[in-house]
Protein backbone atom coordinates (compact mmCIF):
# COMPACT_ATOMS: atom_id res chain seq x y z
CA MET A 1 146.60 -130.12 38.58
CA THR A 2 143.79 -130.51 36.06
CA THR A 3 143.94 -133.55 33.77
CA THR A 4 143.21 -132.87 30.10
CA ALA A 5 140.20 -134.87 28.94
CA LYS A 6 140.94 -137.63 26.45
CA ILE A 7 137.82 -136.69 24.48
CA ALA A 8 135.54 -133.70 25.00
CA TRP A 9 132.55 -132.17 23.25
CA THR A 10 132.35 -128.48 24.19
CA GLY A 11 129.36 -126.27 23.36
CA ILE A 12 128.41 -128.55 20.48
CA SER A 13 125.36 -127.64 18.42
CA LYS A 14 124.11 -129.62 15.44
CA ARG A 15 120.91 -129.36 13.47
CA PHE A 16 119.50 -130.95 10.36
CA GLY A 17 117.19 -128.44 8.74
CA ALA A 18 114.74 -127.30 11.39
CA GLN A 19 115.54 -130.22 13.68
CA VAL A 20 117.92 -129.37 16.51
CA VAL A 21 119.80 -132.55 17.48
CA LEU A 22 122.51 -131.23 19.78
CA ASP A 23 122.03 -127.96 21.62
CA GLY A 24 125.14 -126.83 23.48
CA LEU A 25 126.37 -130.32 24.36
CA ASP A 26 129.14 -130.40 26.96
CA LEU A 27 130.68 -133.78 27.75
CA ALA A 28 134.21 -134.79 28.67
CA VAL A 29 135.78 -138.17 29.41
CA ALA A 30 139.01 -138.41 31.38
CA PRO A 31 141.88 -140.67 30.26
CA GLY A 32 141.38 -144.28 31.25
CA ARG A 33 137.67 -143.89 32.02
CA SER A 34 134.78 -145.73 30.40
CA LEU A 35 131.55 -143.79 29.84
CA ALA A 36 128.21 -145.04 28.53
CA LEU A 37 126.01 -142.49 26.77
CA LEU A 38 122.33 -143.21 27.32
CA GLY A 39 119.24 -141.63 25.82
CA ARG A 40 116.03 -142.23 23.97
CA SER A 41 116.08 -142.90 20.24
CA GLY A 42 116.62 -139.80 18.12
CA GLN A 43 118.33 -137.80 20.86
CA GLY A 44 121.69 -137.47 19.06
CA LYS A 45 123.81 -140.25 20.52
CA SER A 46 125.03 -141.52 17.16
CA VAL A 47 125.58 -137.96 15.95
CA THR A 48 127.75 -137.36 19.00
CA LEU A 49 129.96 -140.30 18.01
CA LYS A 50 130.07 -139.28 14.35
CA LEU A 51 131.23 -135.81 15.33
CA ALA A 52 134.04 -137.32 17.41
CA LEU A 53 135.09 -139.52 14.50
CA GLY A 54 135.13 -136.62 12.05
CA LEU A 55 132.28 -138.06 10.00
CA MET A 56 130.26 -134.89 10.63
CA LYS A 57 131.13 -131.32 11.53
CA PRO A 58 129.32 -129.39 14.27
CA ASP A 59 127.48 -126.20 13.51
CA ALA A 60 129.10 -124.71 16.60
CA GLY A 61 131.45 -125.85 19.34
CA GLN A 62 134.59 -127.95 19.53
CA VAL A 63 135.50 -131.61 19.62
CA LEU A 64 138.74 -131.89 21.58
CA LEU A 65 141.00 -134.94 21.41
CA ASP A 66 143.75 -134.67 24.02
CA GLY A 67 142.96 -130.96 24.15
CA VAL A 68 143.26 -130.41 20.39
CA ASP A 69 140.24 -129.21 18.41
CA VAL A 70 139.97 -131.82 15.65
CA THR A 71 137.17 -129.91 13.91
CA ARG A 72 139.72 -127.33 12.80
CA GLN A 73 142.37 -129.76 11.64
CA SER A 74 143.20 -130.52 8.05
CA GLU A 75 142.34 -133.96 6.67
CA ALA A 76 145.96 -135.10 7.10
CA GLU A 77 146.08 -133.81 10.68
CA ARG A 78 142.80 -135.57 11.53
CA ARG A 79 144.07 -138.83 10.11
CA ALA A 80 147.12 -138.58 12.37
CA SER A 81 144.98 -137.72 15.40
CA PHE A 82 142.60 -140.62 14.78
CA ARG A 83 145.34 -143.26 14.53
CA GLY A 84 144.80 -144.02 18.22
CA ILE A 85 141.03 -144.59 17.91
CA GLY A 86 139.25 -147.94 17.60
CA MET A 87 135.56 -148.44 16.80
CA LEU A 88 133.14 -151.33 17.24
CA PHE A 89 130.17 -150.70 14.96
CA GLN A 90 126.62 -151.68 15.80
CA GLY A 91 126.22 -154.25 13.04
CA GLY A 92 129.81 -155.45 13.10
CA ALA A 93 130.39 -153.82 9.67
CA LEU A 94 132.59 -156.66 8.45
CA PHE A 95 133.39 -156.89 4.74
CA ASP A 96 131.70 -160.04 3.41
CA SER A 97 134.26 -160.46 0.62
CA LEU A 98 137.27 -160.57 2.95
CA PRO A 99 138.31 -163.34 5.33
CA VAL A 100 138.10 -162.53 9.01
CA TRP A 101 141.80 -161.84 9.43
CA GLU A 102 141.77 -159.26 6.63
CA ASN A 103 138.74 -157.61 8.22
CA VAL A 104 140.61 -157.36 11.50
CA ALA A 105 143.80 -156.15 9.81
CA PHE A 106 142.07 -153.84 7.33
CA ARG A 107 143.38 -150.64 8.88
CA LEU A 108 146.86 -152.06 9.43
CA ILE A 109 147.18 -152.92 5.74
CA ASN A 110 145.34 -150.03 4.12
CA ALA A 111 146.12 -147.10 6.42
CA ASP A 112 149.19 -147.99 8.46
CA GLY A 113 151.20 -149.67 5.70
CA VAL A 114 151.83 -152.89 7.63
CA GLY A 115 152.91 -155.84 5.50
CA ARG A 116 150.41 -158.63 5.01
CA ALA A 117 152.38 -161.26 6.90
CA GLU A 118 152.78 -159.07 9.98
CA ALA A 119 149.19 -157.84 9.68
CA ARG A 120 147.89 -161.41 9.66
CA GLU A 121 149.99 -162.26 12.70
CA ARG A 122 148.65 -159.27 14.60
CA ALA A 123 145.09 -160.06 13.51
CA VAL A 124 145.34 -163.64 14.79
CA GLU A 125 146.72 -162.32 18.07
CA ALA A 126 143.82 -159.84 18.37
CA LEU A 127 141.35 -162.64 17.63
CA SER A 128 142.85 -164.69 20.45
CA LEU A 129 142.35 -161.77 22.83
CA VAL A 130 138.60 -161.91 22.13
CA LYS A 131 138.59 -165.69 22.49
CA LEU A 132 138.41 -166.67 18.83
CA ALA A 133 140.55 -169.59 17.69
CA PRO A 134 143.27 -169.15 15.02
CA GLU A 135 141.28 -171.14 12.45
CA VAL A 136 138.57 -168.46 12.52
CA ALA A 137 141.03 -166.13 10.77
CA ASP A 138 140.48 -167.82 7.40
CA ARG A 139 136.71 -168.01 7.60
CA TYR A 140 134.39 -165.43 6.07
CA PRO A 141 131.93 -163.32 8.09
CA SER A 142 128.95 -165.26 6.70
CA GLU A 143 130.36 -168.38 8.35
CA LEU A 144 130.30 -166.79 11.81
CA SER A 145 127.49 -166.50 14.34
CA GLY A 146 126.34 -163.05 15.43
CA GLY A 147 128.37 -163.30 18.62
CA MET A 148 131.50 -164.34 16.73
CA GLN A 149 131.04 -161.44 14.32
CA LYS A 150 130.89 -159.05 17.28
CA ARG A 151 134.08 -160.59 18.66
CA ALA A 152 135.77 -160.17 15.28
CA GLY A 153 134.60 -156.55 15.21
CA LEU A 154 136.08 -156.04 18.67
CA ALA A 155 139.34 -157.60 17.52
CA ARG A 156 139.46 -155.12 14.64
CA ALA A 157 138.84 -152.25 17.08
CA ILE A 158 141.74 -153.22 19.36
CA VAL A 159 144.29 -154.54 16.85
CA GLY A 160 146.04 -151.17 16.66
CA THR A 161 146.31 -150.87 20.48
CA PRO A 162 144.12 -147.75 20.60
CA SER A 163 144.07 -145.20 23.39
CA LEU A 164 140.39 -144.39 22.71
CA LEU A 165 137.61 -146.85 21.88
CA PHE A 166 134.06 -146.18 20.71
CA PHE A 167 131.28 -148.77 20.96
CA ASP A 168 127.97 -148.33 19.13
CA GLU A 169 125.26 -150.58 20.64
CA PRO A 170 127.71 -153.47 21.13
CA THR A 171 125.08 -156.02 22.21
CA THR A 172 122.29 -155.26 19.72
CA GLY A 173 120.76 -158.43 18.26
CA LEU A 174 122.51 -160.80 20.65
CA ASP A 175 120.91 -163.21 23.10
CA PRO A 176 121.45 -162.40 26.82
CA ILE A 177 124.20 -164.99 27.31
CA THR A 178 126.20 -163.88 24.28
CA ALA A 179 125.60 -160.23 25.15
CA GLY A 180 126.95 -160.84 28.64
CA ALA A 181 130.07 -162.46 27.21
CA ILE A 182 130.63 -159.51 24.86
CA ASN A 183 130.21 -157.05 27.73
CA GLU A 184 132.80 -158.89 29.80
CA LEU A 185 135.20 -158.97 26.85
CA ILE A 186 134.80 -155.24 26.30
CA ARG A 187 135.41 -154.50 29.97
CA ASP A 188 138.45 -156.80 30.00
CA ARG A 189 139.99 -155.28 26.88
CA VAL A 190 139.39 -151.68 28.00
CA THR A 191 140.95 -152.44 31.37
CA SER A 192 143.89 -154.32 29.85
CA LEU A 193 144.64 -151.57 27.34
CA GLY A 194 144.15 -148.83 29.93
CA CYS A 195 142.33 -146.84 27.28
CA THR A 196 139.40 -144.45 27.34
CA ALA A 197 136.04 -145.77 26.13
CA VAL A 198 132.76 -144.18 25.07
CA SER A 199 129.76 -146.44 24.45
CA ILE A 200 126.27 -145.89 23.12
CA THR A 201 123.80 -148.41 24.46
CA HIS A 202 120.15 -148.98 25.32
CA ASP A 203 121.13 -152.12 27.23
CA MET A 204 121.26 -151.27 30.92
CA ALA A 205 123.05 -154.54 31.79
CA SER A 206 125.70 -153.60 29.22
CA ALA A 207 126.01 -150.06 30.59
CA ARG A 208 126.47 -151.34 34.13
CA THR A 209 129.17 -153.80 33.03
CA ILE A 210 131.30 -151.76 30.66
CA ALA A 211 131.06 -148.25 32.11
CA ASP A 212 132.56 -146.45 35.09
CA GLU A 213 130.24 -143.53 34.45
CA LEU A 214 126.96 -142.95 32.66
CA ALA A 215 125.56 -139.82 31.05
CA MET A 216 121.98 -139.24 29.91
CA LEU A 217 121.46 -137.23 26.72
CA ASP A 218 118.08 -135.57 26.21
CA ASN A 219 117.00 -132.64 24.05
CA GLY A 220 120.54 -132.11 22.87
CA ARG A 221 122.19 -131.81 26.27
CA ILE A 222 123.47 -133.96 29.12
CA VAL A 223 120.74 -133.96 31.77
CA TRP A 224 122.33 -136.40 34.24
CA ARG A 225 125.75 -137.92 34.83
CA GLY A 226 126.93 -140.25 37.54
CA ARG A 227 128.84 -143.37 38.45
CA ALA A 228 127.44 -146.75 37.49
CA ASP A 229 126.77 -147.54 41.15
CA GLU A 230 124.64 -144.38 41.44
CA LEU A 231 122.27 -145.43 38.69
CA ASP A 232 119.65 -147.07 40.89
CA HIS A 233 119.43 -144.00 43.12
CA ALA A 234 119.33 -141.31 40.43
CA ASP A 235 116.50 -138.81 40.96
CA HIS A 236 116.13 -137.79 37.30
CA PRO A 237 112.82 -139.14 35.90
CA LEU A 238 114.33 -140.16 32.53
CA VAL A 239 117.11 -142.11 34.25
CA ARG A 240 114.56 -143.84 36.49
CA ALA A 241 112.51 -144.73 33.42
CA PHE A 242 115.57 -146.32 31.79
CA VAL A 243 116.40 -148.29 34.92
CA THR A 244 112.86 -149.55 35.48
CA GLY A 245 111.80 -149.82 31.84
CA GLN A 246 108.75 -147.66 32.47
CA SER A 247 107.17 -145.35 29.92
CA MET A 248 107.65 -141.59 30.28
CA GLU A 249 104.13 -140.96 28.96
């Protein structure tokens, strides 16, 4: 029996003017699996995520969520489909004018219609899951370190108990110790939730920690895919360059 992919990009093409970004992209992630999408800058990794989130539309192909083509859904149908998705943005993307708990509970209050008292309670609980103390809830983002902001962003991503999580460069700008802690938190939360995860990262230590599988995107297509423990033995030159940090030139 074939398992329907949790998220799949099928025959996806996307161009901006004369620039072809995605050229027949095929990528599927099974339920409960964590995949890291690797690739050089400008190869379409962020576009791939934006297509999955409905922030862009492909020129051709389908984005399937639980087997349903979300590119053909109405706005109301997409909103319903995306209720089970959480996102950790690269820069944290916290609202400076809101206290941390309201940042975490933003979707609960503004999209899901949860009352403020319950939303705050759930936000504090989510903050505890990423090892932030209850008193952090009433602070503002500017009062937090970069690592704490990432943790708050992760709390916001998981507060709705999502079945699908996206991570965009989750360790960018963090020192190695803090980055390692964030990676472990991500892995722990994904495992605890039993959800599917797709991550974009240039950080090989992060990819090895948070992903079951890795896929290399180049020239608009997946050129290699394998388990995390196969990374060191991959025979693709671009994968070897990523692992060793060597130039392709």
